[in-house]
Every structure is written in structure tokens, then in C-alpha cells.
Amino acid sequence: MTIEETGAARRTRPIIEPSADVDDRASIGDGTLVWHLAQVREHARVGSECIIGRGAYVGPGVVVGDRCKIQNHALVYEPAVLEDGAFVGPAVVFTNDYLPRAVNPDGTLKDGDDWDAVGVTVRTGASVGARVVCVAPVTIGAWAMVAAGAVVTRDVPDHALVVGVPARQVGWVGHAGAPLVQQGDAWRCPKTGTLYVQRGPHEDDGLVAA
């Protein structure tokens, strides 16, 4: 079945391509589409009207909100949380081990009881570009945008635009994704005209629509 053929069915039930591997203990919301060769692990919760791209991986217990997009071959390791409307680009990697080792100091192979998983949180409406690596634990603020190829090693404020390795802030973006233009102590979206102001006294507090 092609995406054009799904029609109203997509809005009422999930569609899972036969080659996808979705654990019976995972929860997939109405209208969500899981594409070829994607894997959704046990106890993962994927909301409604999401798209899980070809070859994407959603780890055990990962939480994905409504209307999210996880593009082809993205790796979303547990315990990541994506809020509503989050975008995760192709080949993105969310790590989950701050001190990664294959073995313990005594040489024995590590298992799940030998480490404490740390996660990446992507707030409402935020976008993480293609081939970004987010080194957990980090939070991508609401409506922020991480440029393709960046390596995120610290929290990203709401509406911030970050680029590079390691990622650094170079501006602000609005709900439409366009870079904002500063006007005095405020910033305006050139596409929608929406005005944004600083949420708090520090840049890390991010912006909020006025």
C-alpha cells in the first residue's frame, strides 16, 4: 500500500508495513505509519499520526508524542522522549550511555544491569536535522532547530538555532522554522509576522511568542 492509497484509514488506525518489526508490547497510535524495515521495541509508546521512516529504530520504552516524524535510519535509543510535533531527521543518533563501555572493569560483558541509561528529550515542535548526534543527557527545547550534521552536547534553549561540532547557537527560529529578525529587544518571524520575546533574563531561558 502506498502512502497515497491510505486515505482515511491512516487517520483511524496505524499502518505497519509487513517488513517492519513492531513488538507486540509496543503501543502504536491511530493514524501512525511505520515504514519498511523499521523496528519499534517492547514497551515503546508511539502517538497518533506519526511517521516512522524506513529502517528507523525506536528503543524499549521510548515515548513518542503525536504527529512526530522519525525519518529513515534514525536511531532513537531509550529512554528518549519526543513530545508532540517533534522532527527527527534521517540518520540521527540519540545516544544513551554517558560512559560507554562494552565490558566491566573485570572484563565481563556489560548487560542492562551494569549501567544507567540517560536519554535525549525533544520538546514540542523541535527539529533535529539529518545526521545530528545528540550526546545524552540533553534536552532540545520547544521549537528549536538543530542544523544537519551538528553534535549536541548541552541543552538547547526554546526556539534556538544551533549548528556545528559541538553545536553552538547562532540565532533564533520561530514556529514556522524561519530564522527570526531582531527588532530592539524582540524578534520577528519574517514568514508569519509573529513577535517573540525573551522568556527570562538569560539567553538559555529561550524565547516565547509575545
N, C-alpha and C. Protein backbone atom coordinates (compact mmCIF):
# COMPACT_ATOMS: atom_id res chain seq x y z
N MET A 1 0.84 -1.20 0.00
CA MET A 1 0.00 0.00 0.00
C MET A 1 0.88 1.24 0.00
N THR A 2 0.63 2.15 -0.93
CA THR A 2 1.38 3.39 -0.97
C THR A 2 0.75 4.41 -0.04
N ILE A 3 1.53 5.44 0.29
CA ILE A 3 1.02 6.47 1.18
C ILE A 3 -0.18 7.19 0.56
N GLU A 4 -0.23 7.25 -0.78
CA GLU A 4 -1.36 7.90 -1.43
C GLU A 4 -2.64 7.08 -1.29
N GLU A 5 -2.49 5.77 -1.13
CA GLU A 5 -3.65 4.89 -1.07
C GLU A 5 -4.25 4.75 0.33
N THR A 6 -3.55 5.25 1.33
CA THR A 6 -4.02 5.01 2.69
C THR A 6 -5.25 5.81 3.04
N GLY A 7 -5.34 7.07 2.61
CA GLY A 7 -6.53 7.89 2.80
C GLY A 7 -6.98 7.97 4.23
N ALA A 8 -8.30 7.85 4.41
CA ALA A 8 -8.90 8.00 5.74
C ALA A 8 -8.44 6.92 6.69
N ALA A 9 -8.00 5.76 6.16
CA ALA A 9 -7.57 4.68 7.04
C ALA A 9 -6.41 5.09 7.92
N ARG A 10 -5.54 5.95 7.41
CA ARG A 10 -4.40 6.39 8.20
C ARG A 10 -4.83 7.18 9.43
N ARG A 11 -5.98 7.81 9.33
CA ARG A 11 -6.43 8.65 10.43
C ARG A 11 -7.13 7.85 11.52
N THR A 12 -7.46 6.58 11.23
CA THR A 12 -8.24 5.81 12.19
C THR A 12 -7.50 4.62 12.77
N ARG A 13 -6.43 4.16 12.13
CA ARG A 13 -5.71 3.02 12.65
C ARG A 13 -4.26 3.11 12.19
N PRO A 14 -3.34 2.49 12.91
CA PRO A 14 -1.96 2.51 12.44
C PRO A 14 -1.78 1.60 11.22
N ILE A 15 -0.82 1.95 10.38
CA ILE A 15 -0.46 1.12 9.24
C ILE A 15 1.00 0.73 9.40
N ILE A 16 1.25 -0.56 9.45
CA ILE A 16 2.59 -1.09 9.68
C ILE A 16 2.98 -1.93 8.48
N GLU A 17 4.02 -1.53 7.78
CA GLU A 17 4.48 -2.30 6.63
C GLU A 17 4.92 -3.70 7.08
N PRO A 18 4.68 -4.72 6.26
CA PRO A 18 4.97 -6.10 6.68
C PRO A 18 6.42 -6.35 7.07
N SER A 19 7.36 -5.61 6.49
CA SER A 19 8.77 -5.84 6.82
C SER A 19 9.21 -5.14 8.10
N ALA A 20 8.35 -4.27 8.67
CA ALA A 20 8.69 -3.60 9.93
C ALA A 20 8.59 -4.60 11.09
N ASP A 21 9.37 -4.36 12.12
CA ASP A 21 9.40 -5.23 13.31
C ASP A 21 8.88 -4.42 14.49
N VAL A 22 7.60 -4.59 14.79
CA VAL A 22 6.96 -3.87 15.90
C VAL A 22 6.61 -4.88 16.98
N ASP A 23 7.22 -4.74 18.14
CA ASP A 23 6.98 -5.67 19.23
C ASP A 23 5.51 -5.62 19.67
N ASP A 24 4.98 -6.79 20.03
CA ASP A 24 3.58 -6.85 20.45
C ASP A 24 3.31 -6.03 21.70
N ARG A 25 4.37 -5.75 22.47
CA ARG A 25 4.20 -4.97 23.70
C ARG A 25 4.33 -3.47 23.48
N ALA A 26 4.64 -3.07 22.24
CA ALA A 26 4.69 -1.65 21.91
C ALA A 26 3.28 -1.13 21.65
N SER A 27 3.11 0.19 21.80
CA SER A 27 1.83 0.84 21.55
C SER A 27 1.99 1.81 20.38
N ILE A 28 1.16 1.65 19.36
CA ILE A 28 1.21 2.49 18.17
C ILE A 28 -0.13 3.19 18.02
N GLY A 29 -0.12 4.52 17.95
CA GLY A 29 -1.36 5.30 17.93
C GLY A 29 -2.07 5.30 16.60
N ASP A 30 -3.30 5.75 16.62
CA ASP A 30 -4.13 5.83 15.42
C ASP A 30 -3.49 6.72 14.37
N GLY A 31 -3.57 6.27 13.12
CA GLY A 31 -3.08 7.07 12.01
C GLY A 31 -1.58 7.07 11.84
N THR A 32 -0.85 6.34 12.67
CA THR A 32 0.61 6.30 12.57
C THR A 32 1.03 5.32 11.49
N LEU A 33 2.05 5.69 10.74
CA LEU A 33 2.58 4.87 9.65
C LEU A 33 4.00 4.43 10.01
N VAL A 34 4.23 3.13 10.03
CA VAL A 34 5.56 2.57 10.29
C VAL A 34 6.05 1.94 9.00
N TRP A 35 7.12 2.52 8.46
CA TRP A 35 7.59 2.12 7.14
C TRP A 35 8.48 0.89 7.19
N HIS A 36 8.91 0.47 5.99
CA HIS A 36 9.66 -0.77 5.79
C HIS A 36 10.91 -0.84 6.69
N LEU A 37 11.13 -2.01 7.26
CA LEU A 37 12.35 -2.35 8.00
C LEU A 37 12.57 -1.53 9.27
N ALA A 38 11.58 -0.73 9.66
CA ALA A 38 11.69 -0.02 10.94
C ALA A 38 11.53 -1.02 12.08
N GLN A 39 12.11 -0.69 13.23
CA GLN A 39 11.96 -1.53 14.42
C GLN A 39 11.47 -0.68 15.58
N VAL A 40 10.39 -1.12 16.20
CA VAL A 40 9.85 -0.47 17.39
C VAL A 40 9.86 -1.51 18.50
N ARG A 41 10.65 -1.25 19.54
CA ARG A 41 10.91 -2.25 20.57
C ARG A 41 9.81 -2.30 21.62
N GLU A 42 9.96 -3.26 22.53
CA GLU A 42 8.99 -3.52 23.57
C GLU A 42 8.77 -2.29 24.46
N HIS A 43 7.50 -2.07 24.79
CA HIS A 43 7.06 -1.01 25.71
C HIS A 43 7.28 0.40 25.16
N ALA A 44 7.72 0.53 23.92
CA ALA A 44 7.75 1.86 23.31
C ALA A 44 6.32 2.33 23.11
N ARG A 45 6.12 3.65 23.23
CA ARG A 45 4.79 4.24 23.04
C ARG A 45 4.88 5.32 21.97
N VAL A 46 4.25 5.05 20.84
CA VAL A 46 4.25 5.98 19.71
C VAL A 46 2.84 6.54 19.58
N GLY A 47 2.73 7.86 19.52
CA GLY A 47 1.43 8.52 19.50
C GLY A 47 0.72 8.41 18.16
N SER A 48 -0.30 9.22 17.98
CA SER A 48 -1.12 9.19 16.78
C SER A 48 -0.53 10.07 15.68
N GLU A 49 -0.82 9.69 14.44
CA GLU A 49 -0.45 10.46 13.25
C GLU A 49 1.05 10.70 13.15
N CYS A 50 1.83 9.73 13.56
CA CYS A 50 3.29 9.80 13.43
C CYS A 50 3.75 9.09 12.16
N ILE A 51 4.97 9.38 11.74
CA ILE A 51 5.62 8.65 10.66
C ILE A 51 6.95 8.13 11.19
N ILE A 52 7.12 6.81 11.13
CA ILE A 52 8.38 6.17 11.49
C ILE A 52 9.00 5.68 10.19
N GLY A 53 10.11 6.28 9.79
CA GLY A 53 10.67 6.06 8.47
C GLY A 53 11.36 4.72 8.30
N ARG A 54 11.70 4.42 7.07
CA ARG A 54 12.36 3.17 6.70
C ARG A 54 13.64 2.98 7.51
N GLY A 55 13.77 1.83 8.14
CA GLY A 55 14.99 1.48 8.85
C GLY A 55 15.20 2.22 10.15
N ALA A 56 14.22 2.99 10.61
CA ALA A 56 14.37 3.69 11.89
C ALA A 56 14.29 2.71 13.05
N TYR A 57 14.90 3.10 14.16
CA TYR A 57 14.91 2.27 15.37
C TYR A 57 14.37 3.08 16.53
N VAL A 58 13.37 2.52 17.23
CA VAL A 58 12.78 3.15 18.41
C VAL A 58 12.96 2.16 19.56
N GLY A 59 13.77 2.54 20.55
CA GLY A 59 14.20 1.63 21.59
C GLY A 59 13.13 1.29 22.62
N PRO A 60 13.43 0.32 23.48
CA PRO A 60 12.47 -0.10 24.52
C PRO A 60 12.07 1.06 25.41
N GLY A 61 10.77 1.23 25.59
CA GLY A 61 10.27 2.25 26.50
C GLY A 61 10.35 3.68 26.00
N VAL A 62 10.84 3.91 24.80
CA VAL A 62 10.88 5.26 24.25
C VAL A 62 9.46 5.79 24.12
N VAL A 63 9.29 7.08 24.40
CA VAL A 63 7.99 7.73 24.31
C VAL A 63 8.00 8.74 23.17
N VAL A 64 7.06 8.59 22.25
CA VAL A 64 6.93 9.47 21.10
C VAL A 64 5.53 10.07 21.12
N GLY A 65 5.44 11.38 21.08
CA GLY A 65 4.14 12.05 21.13
C GLY A 65 3.38 11.96 19.83
N ASP A 66 2.34 12.76 19.70
CA ASP A 66 1.51 12.78 18.50
C ASP A 66 2.17 13.61 17.40
N ARG A 67 1.90 13.22 16.15
CA ARG A 67 2.31 13.96 14.94
C ARG A 67 3.82 14.20 14.90
N CYS A 68 4.58 13.21 15.29
CA CYS A 68 6.04 13.27 15.19
C CYS A 68 6.50 12.59 13.90
N LYS A 69 7.67 12.99 13.43
CA LYS A 69 8.30 12.33 12.29
C LYS A 69 9.69 11.87 12.69
N ILE A 70 9.93 10.57 12.54
CA ILE A 70 11.26 9.99 12.74
C ILE A 70 11.68 9.45 11.39
N GLN A 71 12.65 10.11 10.76
CA GLN A 71 12.97 9.83 9.38
C GLN A 71 13.87 8.59 9.23
N ASN A 72 14.14 8.23 7.97
CA ASN A 72 14.83 6.99 7.65
C ASN A 72 16.14 6.81 8.43
N HIS A 73 16.29 5.62 9.01
CA HIS A 73 17.53 5.18 9.65
C HIS A 73 17.94 6.00 10.87
N ALA A 74 17.01 6.74 11.43
CA ALA A 74 17.29 7.41 12.71
C ALA A 74 17.31 6.37 13.83
N LEU A 75 18.18 6.58 14.81
CA LEU A 75 18.35 5.66 15.93
C LEU A 75 17.96 6.38 17.22
N VAL A 76 16.80 6.03 17.75
CA VAL A 76 16.27 6.70 18.94
C VAL A 76 16.36 5.71 20.10
N TYR A 77 17.46 5.80 20.83
CA TYR A 77 17.71 4.86 21.92
C TYR A 77 17.01 5.30 23.20
N GLU A 78 16.61 4.30 23.95
CA GLU A 78 15.94 4.52 25.24
C GLU A 78 16.90 5.17 26.23
N PRO A 79 16.39 6.01 27.14
CA PRO A 79 15.00 6.36 27.40
C PRO A 79 14.58 7.70 26.79
N ALA A 80 14.76 7.86 25.48
CA ALA A 80 14.42 9.12 24.82
C ALA A 80 12.93 9.43 24.93
N VAL A 81 12.62 10.74 24.93
CA VAL A 81 11.24 11.21 24.94
C VAL A 81 11.10 12.28 23.86
N LEU A 82 10.14 12.09 22.97
CA LEU A 82 9.81 13.09 21.95
C LEU A 82 8.41 13.61 22.25
N GLU A 83 8.31 14.91 22.44
CA GLU A 83 6.99 15.50 22.65
C GLU A 83 6.29 15.71 21.32
N ASP A 84 5.03 16.18 21.37
CA ASP A 84 4.21 16.33 20.17
C ASP A 84 4.91 17.17 19.11
N GLY A 85 4.80 16.73 17.86
CA GLY A 85 5.28 17.52 16.73
C GLY A 85 6.79 17.55 16.57
N ALA A 86 7.52 16.67 17.22
CA ALA A 86 8.98 16.65 17.08
C ALA A 86 9.38 16.04 15.74
N PHE A 87 10.47 16.56 15.17
CA PHE A 87 11.01 16.06 13.91
C PHE A 87 12.42 15.55 14.14
N VAL A 88 12.67 14.31 13.73
CA VAL A 88 14.00 13.70 13.85
C VAL A 88 14.42 13.30 12.44
N GLY A 89 15.48 13.93 11.94
CA GLY A 89 15.88 13.76 10.54
C GLY A 89 16.56 12.44 10.25
N PRO A 90 16.86 12.20 8.96
CA PRO A 90 17.49 10.95 8.56
C PRO A 90 18.84 10.73 9.24
N ALA A 91 19.06 9.49 9.69
CA ALA A 91 20.34 9.05 10.24
C ALA A 91 20.75 9.78 11.52
N VAL A 92 19.80 10.40 12.21
CA VAL A 92 20.07 11.00 13.52
C VAL A 92 20.37 9.89 14.52
N VAL A 93 21.25 10.19 15.50
CA VAL A 93 21.55 9.25 16.57
C VAL A 93 21.34 9.93 17.91
N PHE A 94 20.51 9.33 18.76
CA PHE A 94 20.36 9.75 20.15
C PHE A 94 21.10 8.72 21.01
N THR A 95 22.18 9.12 21.66
CA THR A 95 22.92 8.18 22.50
C THR A 95 22.19 8.00 23.83
N ASN A 96 22.66 7.01 24.61
CA ASN A 96 22.02 6.78 25.92
C ASN A 96 22.99 6.31 27.00
N ASP A 97 24.27 6.42 26.74
CA ASP A 97 25.26 5.96 27.72
C ASP A 97 26.35 7.03 27.83
N TYR A 98 26.40 7.70 28.98
CA TYR A 98 27.35 8.79 29.16
C TYR A 98 28.79 8.29 29.27
N LEU A 99 28.97 7.07 29.79
CA LEU A 99 30.30 6.46 29.92
C LEU A 99 30.28 5.09 29.25
N PRO A 100 30.27 5.06 27.92
CA PRO A 100 30.07 3.79 27.23
C PRO A 100 31.26 2.84 27.34
N ARG A 101 30.97 1.62 27.70
CA ARG A 101 31.94 0.54 27.70
C ARG A 101 31.22 -0.74 27.30
N ALA A 102 31.91 -1.63 26.59
CA ALA A 102 31.35 -2.94 26.28
C ALA A 102 31.49 -3.91 27.45
N VAL A 103 32.55 -3.68 28.28
CA VAL A 103 32.84 -4.61 29.37
C VAL A 103 32.98 -3.86 30.68
N ASN A 104 32.82 -4.59 31.79
CA ASN A 104 33.07 -4.06 33.12
C ASN A 104 34.57 -4.05 33.40
N PRO A 105 35.02 -3.39 34.48
CA PRO A 105 36.45 -3.38 34.81
C PRO A 105 37.06 -4.77 34.96
N ASP A 106 36.24 -5.76 35.32
CA ASP A 106 36.78 -7.12 35.46
C ASP A 106 36.78 -7.88 34.15
N GLY A 107 36.39 -7.23 33.06
CA GLY A 107 36.43 -7.86 31.75
C GLY A 107 35.16 -8.58 31.35
N THR A 108 34.18 -8.66 32.23
CA THR A 108 32.92 -9.32 31.88
C THR A 108 32.07 -8.40 31.01
N LEU A 109 31.28 -9.03 30.14
CA LEU A 109 30.43 -8.27 29.24
C LEU A 109 29.35 -7.53 30.02
N LYS A 110 29.20 -6.25 29.72
CA LYS A 110 28.14 -5.48 30.39
C LYS A 110 26.78 -5.93 29.90
N ASP A 111 25.80 -5.88 30.82
CA ASP A 111 24.41 -6.06 30.43
C ASP A 111 23.60 -4.88 30.96
N GLY A 112 22.27 -4.98 30.83
CA GLY A 112 21.41 -3.86 31.19
C GLY A 112 21.49 -3.43 32.63
N ASP A 113 21.92 -4.32 33.52
CA ASP A 113 22.01 -4.00 34.94
C ASP A 113 23.32 -3.32 35.32
N ASP A 114 24.23 -3.20 34.37
CA ASP A 114 25.57 -2.67 34.66
C ASP A 114 25.74 -1.21 34.29
N TRP A 115 24.69 -0.56 33.86
CA TRP A 115 24.80 0.85 33.50
C TRP A 115 23.45 1.54 33.68
N ASP A 116 23.50 2.84 33.82
CA ASP A 116 22.29 3.65 33.98
C ASP A 116 22.06 4.45 32.70
N ALA A 117 20.99 4.11 32.00
CA ALA A 117 20.70 4.78 30.73
C ALA A 117 20.31 6.24 30.97
N VAL A 118 20.81 7.12 30.12
CA VAL A 118 20.44 8.54 30.13
C VAL A 118 19.88 8.86 28.76
N GLY A 119 18.89 9.76 28.72
CA GLY A 119 18.17 9.95 27.48
C GLY A 119 18.24 11.35 26.90
N VAL A 120 17.74 11.45 25.68
CA VAL A 120 17.57 12.71 24.97
C VAL A 120 16.08 13.06 25.00
N THR A 121 15.78 14.32 25.31
CA THR A 121 14.41 14.81 25.29
C THR A 121 14.27 15.85 24.20
N VAL A 122 13.28 15.69 23.35
CA VAL A 122 13.00 16.66 22.29
C VAL A 122 11.64 17.27 22.58
N ARG A 123 11.62 18.55 22.89
CA ARG A 123 10.38 19.23 23.28
C ARG A 123 9.48 19.50 22.08
N THR A 124 8.29 19.96 22.36
CA THR A 124 7.24 20.17 21.36
C THR A 124 7.73 20.98 20.16
N GLY A 125 7.51 20.44 18.96
CA GLY A 125 7.76 21.16 17.74
C GLY A 125 9.21 21.30 17.32
N ALA A 126 10.15 20.80 18.11
CA ALA A 126 11.57 20.96 17.79
C ALA A 126 11.97 20.08 16.61
N SER A 127 13.03 20.50 15.90
CA SER A 127 13.54 19.77 14.74
C SER A 127 15.01 19.45 14.92
N VAL A 128 15.36 18.20 14.63
CA VAL A 128 16.74 17.73 14.72
C VAL A 128 17.14 17.28 13.31
N GLY A 129 18.07 17.99 12.68
CA GLY A 129 18.40 17.78 11.27
C GLY A 129 19.14 16.49 10.98
N ALA A 130 19.32 16.21 9.70
CA ALA A 130 19.93 14.98 9.24
C ALA A 130 21.33 14.78 9.83
N ARG A 131 21.58 13.53 10.25
CA ARG A 131 22.90 13.08 10.75
C ARG A 131 23.37 13.82 11.99
N VAL A 132 22.46 14.41 12.72
CA VAL A 132 22.81 15.01 14.01
C VAL A 132 23.07 13.89 15.02
N VAL A 133 24.04 14.11 15.90
CA VAL A 133 24.27 13.23 17.04
C VAL A 133 23.98 14.03 18.31
N CYS A 134 23.05 13.51 19.12
CA CYS A 134 22.74 14.12 20.42
C CYS A 134 23.35 13.24 21.50
N VAL A 135 24.29 13.80 22.26
CA VAL A 135 25.00 13.05 23.29
C VAL A 135 24.26 13.22 24.60
N ALA A 136 23.56 12.18 25.00
CA ALA A 136 22.72 12.23 26.21
C ALA A 136 23.58 12.40 27.46
N PRO A 137 23.01 13.04 28.49
CA PRO A 137 21.65 13.58 28.56
C PRO A 137 21.59 15.02 28.07
N VAL A 138 20.71 15.30 27.11
CA VAL A 138 20.47 16.66 26.65
C VAL A 138 18.99 16.83 26.35
N THR A 139 18.55 18.10 26.39
CA THR A 139 17.18 18.45 26.05
C THR A 139 17.20 19.46 24.92
N ILE A 140 16.44 19.18 23.86
CA ILE A 140 16.26 20.11 22.75
C ILE A 140 14.98 20.87 23.02
N GLY A 141 15.08 22.18 23.22
CA GLY A 141 13.95 22.98 23.64
C GLY A 141 12.83 23.06 22.61
N ALA A 142 11.66 23.47 23.06
CA ALA A 142 10.48 23.57 22.19
C ALA A 142 10.77 24.48 20.99
N TRP A 143 10.41 23.99 19.79
CA TRP A 143 10.51 24.72 18.54
C TRP A 143 11.94 25.12 18.18
N ALA A 144 12.92 24.54 18.86
CA ALA A 144 14.32 24.77 18.49
C ALA A 144 14.62 24.04 17.19
N MET A 145 15.77 24.38 16.59
CA MET A 145 16.20 23.71 15.37
C MET A 145 17.70 23.42 15.45
N VAL A 146 18.04 22.14 15.24
CA VAL A 146 19.43 21.70 15.22
C VAL A 146 19.81 21.44 13.77
N ALA A 147 20.81 22.16 13.27
CA ALA A 147 21.19 22.06 11.87
C ALA A 147 21.82 20.70 11.57
N ALA A 148 21.71 20.28 10.32
CA ALA A 148 22.23 18.99 9.89
C ALA A 148 23.71 18.85 10.24
N GLY A 149 24.07 17.65 10.72
CA GLY A 149 25.46 17.33 11.00
C GLY A 149 26.00 17.82 12.32
N ALA A 150 25.18 18.51 13.12
CA ALA A 150 25.65 19.03 14.41
C ALA A 150 25.83 17.91 15.42
N VAL A 151 26.64 18.18 16.43
CA VAL A 151 26.80 17.27 17.58
C VAL A 151 26.39 18.05 18.82
N VAL A 152 25.27 17.66 19.41
CA VAL A 152 24.69 18.39 20.54
C VAL A 152 25.20 17.78 21.84
N THR A 153 25.89 18.60 22.63
CA THR A 153 26.47 18.13 23.89
C THR A 153 25.93 18.85 25.10
N ARG A 154 25.05 19.84 24.88
CA ARG A 154 24.42 20.53 26.00
C ARG A 154 23.02 20.95 25.60
N ASP A 155 22.20 21.31 26.58
CA ASP A 155 20.81 21.65 26.32
C ASP A 155 20.68 22.80 25.34
N VAL A 156 19.62 22.74 24.53
CA VAL A 156 19.33 23.76 23.52
C VAL A 156 18.09 24.52 23.97
N PRO A 157 18.16 25.86 24.10
CA PRO A 157 17.00 26.64 24.56
C PRO A 157 15.83 26.59 23.59
N ASP A 158 14.64 26.90 24.09
CA ASP A 158 13.45 27.01 23.24
C ASP A 158 13.70 28.01 22.11
N HIS A 159 13.37 27.62 20.90
CA HIS A 159 13.45 28.46 19.70
C HIS A 159 14.88 28.75 19.25
N ALA A 160 15.88 28.13 19.84
CA ALA A 160 17.26 28.39 19.43
C ALA A 160 17.59 27.67 18.13
N LEU A 161 18.47 28.27 17.33
CA LEU A 161 19.05 27.65 16.15
C LEU A 161 20.51 27.35 16.48
N VAL A 162 20.88 26.06 16.42
CA VAL A 162 22.25 25.67 16.76
C VAL A 162 22.86 24.92 15.58
N VAL A 163 24.19 25.09 15.43
CA VAL A 163 24.93 24.47 14.32
C VAL A 163 26.28 24.02 14.83
N GLY A 164 26.92 23.10 14.10
CA GLY A 164 28.33 22.82 14.29
C GLY A 164 28.66 21.71 15.27
N VAL A 165 29.98 21.53 15.44
CA VAL A 165 30.54 20.48 16.31
C VAL A 165 31.57 21.11 17.24
N PRO A 166 31.28 21.20 18.56
CA PRO A 166 29.98 20.93 19.16
C PRO A 166 28.97 22.01 18.77
N ALA A 167 27.70 21.71 18.91
CA ALA A 167 26.66 22.65 18.50
C ALA A 167 26.72 23.93 19.30
N ARG A 168 26.58 25.06 18.61
CA ARG A 168 26.56 26.37 19.25
C ARG A 168 25.42 27.17 18.66
N GLN A 169 24.87 28.08 19.46
CA GLN A 169 23.74 28.86 19.00
C GLN A 169 24.19 29.98 18.09
N VAL A 170 23.47 30.12 16.95
CA VAL A 170 23.79 31.19 16.00
C VAL A 170 22.58 32.09 15.74
N GLY A 171 21.45 31.79 16.37
CA GLY A 171 20.26 32.62 16.16
C GLY A 171 19.04 31.99 16.78
N TRP A 172 17.88 32.50 16.35
CA TRP A 172 16.60 32.03 16.86
C TRP A 172 15.70 31.69 15.69
N VAL A 173 14.76 30.75 15.91
CA VAL A 173 13.78 30.40 14.88
C VAL A 173 12.38 30.45 15.49
N GLY A 174 11.39 30.72 14.63
CA GLY A 174 10.00 30.73 15.08
C GLY A 174 9.31 29.41 14.84
N HIS A 175 8.00 29.40 15.07
CA HIS A 175 7.22 28.18 14.87
C HIS A 175 7.28 27.69 13.43
N ALA A 176 7.44 28.61 12.48
CA ALA A 176 7.50 28.23 11.07
C ALA A 176 8.87 27.71 10.65
N GLY A 177 9.86 27.82 11.54
CA GLY A 177 11.21 27.34 11.24
C GLY A 177 12.14 28.36 10.63
N ALA A 178 11.63 29.52 10.26
CA ALA A 178 12.46 30.56 9.64
C ALA A 178 13.28 31.29 10.72
N PRO A 179 14.53 31.67 10.40
CA PRO A 179 15.32 32.47 11.33
C PRO A 179 14.61 33.79 11.65
N LEU A 180 14.63 34.18 12.91
CA LEU A 180 13.96 35.40 13.35
C LEU A 180 14.85 36.61 13.14
N VAL A 181 14.21 37.75 12.93
CA VAL A 181 14.91 39.02 12.72
C VAL A 181 14.73 39.86 13.98
N GLN A 182 15.85 40.33 14.54
CA GLN A 182 15.77 41.10 15.78
C GLN A 182 15.20 42.49 15.52
N GLN A 183 14.29 42.88 16.42
CA GLN A 183 13.72 44.23 16.41
C GLN A 183 13.78 44.76 17.83
N GLY A 184 14.82 45.53 18.14
CA GLY A 184 15.01 46.02 19.50
C GLY A 184 15.25 44.86 20.44
N ASP A 185 14.40 44.75 21.46
CA ASP A 185 14.53 43.67 22.43
C ASP A 185 13.67 42.46 22.07
N ALA A 186 13.12 42.43 20.87
CA ALA A 186 12.26 41.33 20.44
C ALA A 186 12.76 40.79 19.10
N TRP A 187 12.14 39.71 18.66
CA TRP A 187 12.49 39.07 17.39
C TRP A 187 11.21 38.78 16.63
N ARG A 188 11.22 39.01 15.30
CA ARG A 188 10.01 38.82 14.50
C ARG A 188 10.26 37.75 13.43
N CYS A 189 9.23 36.91 13.22
CA CYS A 189 9.30 35.89 12.17
C CYS A 189 9.00 36.53 10.82
N PRO A 190 9.90 36.41 9.83
CA PRO A 190 9.66 37.03 8.52
C PRO A 190 8.56 36.33 7.73
N LYS A 191 8.16 35.12 8.13
CA LYS A 191 7.13 34.39 7.38
C LYS A 191 5.74 34.65 7.94
N THR A 192 5.61 34.68 9.27
CA THR A 192 4.29 34.79 9.88
C THR A 192 4.03 36.14 10.53
N GLY A 193 5.10 36.91 10.78
CA GLY A 193 4.97 38.18 11.47
C GLY A 193 4.87 38.06 12.98
N THR A 194 4.91 36.85 13.50
CA THR A 194 4.81 36.65 14.95
C THR A 194 6.01 37.27 15.65
N LEU A 195 5.76 37.93 16.78
CA LEU A 195 6.80 38.55 17.58
C LEU A 195 7.15 37.64 18.75
N TYR A 196 8.44 37.51 19.02
CA TYR A 196 8.94 36.67 20.11
C TYR A 196 9.77 37.51 21.07
N VAL A 197 9.68 37.19 22.36
CA VAL A 197 10.46 37.90 23.38
C VAL A 197 11.18 36.89 24.24
N GLN A 198 12.19 37.37 24.97
CA GLN A 198 12.96 36.51 25.86
C GLN A 198 12.07 35.98 26.99
N ARG A 199 12.16 34.68 27.24
CA ARG A 199 11.35 34.06 28.28
C ARG A 199 11.81 34.49 29.67
N GLY A 200 13.13 34.69 29.86
CA GLY A 200 13.68 35.07 31.15
C GLY A 200 14.90 35.95 30.95
N PRO A 201 15.63 36.24 32.00
CA PRO A 201 16.75 37.17 31.92
C PRO A 201 17.98 36.62 31.23
N HIS A 202 18.03 35.29 31.02
CA HIS A 202 19.22 34.67 30.43
C HIS A 202 18.90 34.10 29.06
N GLU A 203 19.89 34.07 28.17
CA GLU A 203 19.67 33.55 26.82
C GLU A 203 19.23 32.09 26.86
N ASP A 204 19.73 31.34 27.84
CA ASP A 204 19.35 29.94 27.95
C ASP A 204 17.88 29.74 28.30
N ASP A 205 17.19 30.81 28.71
CA ASP A 205 15.77 30.71 29.00
C ASP A 205 14.94 30.58 27.72
N GLY A 206 15.54 30.93 26.59
CA GLY A 206 14.84 30.80 25.31
C GLY A 206 13.83 31.92 25.07
N LEU A 207 13.10 31.78 23.95
CA LEU A 207 12.09 32.77 23.56
C LEU A 207 10.69 32.20 23.74
N VAL A 208 9.73 33.12 23.70
CA VAL A 208 8.32 32.76 23.75
C VAL A 208 7.57 33.75 22.87
N ALA A 209 6.52 33.29 22.21
CA ALA A 209 5.71 34.20 21.39
C ALA A 209 5.07 35.26 22.25
N ALA A 210 5.15 36.50 21.80
CA ALA A 210 4.59 37.61 22.59
C ALA A 210 3.07 37.59 22.60
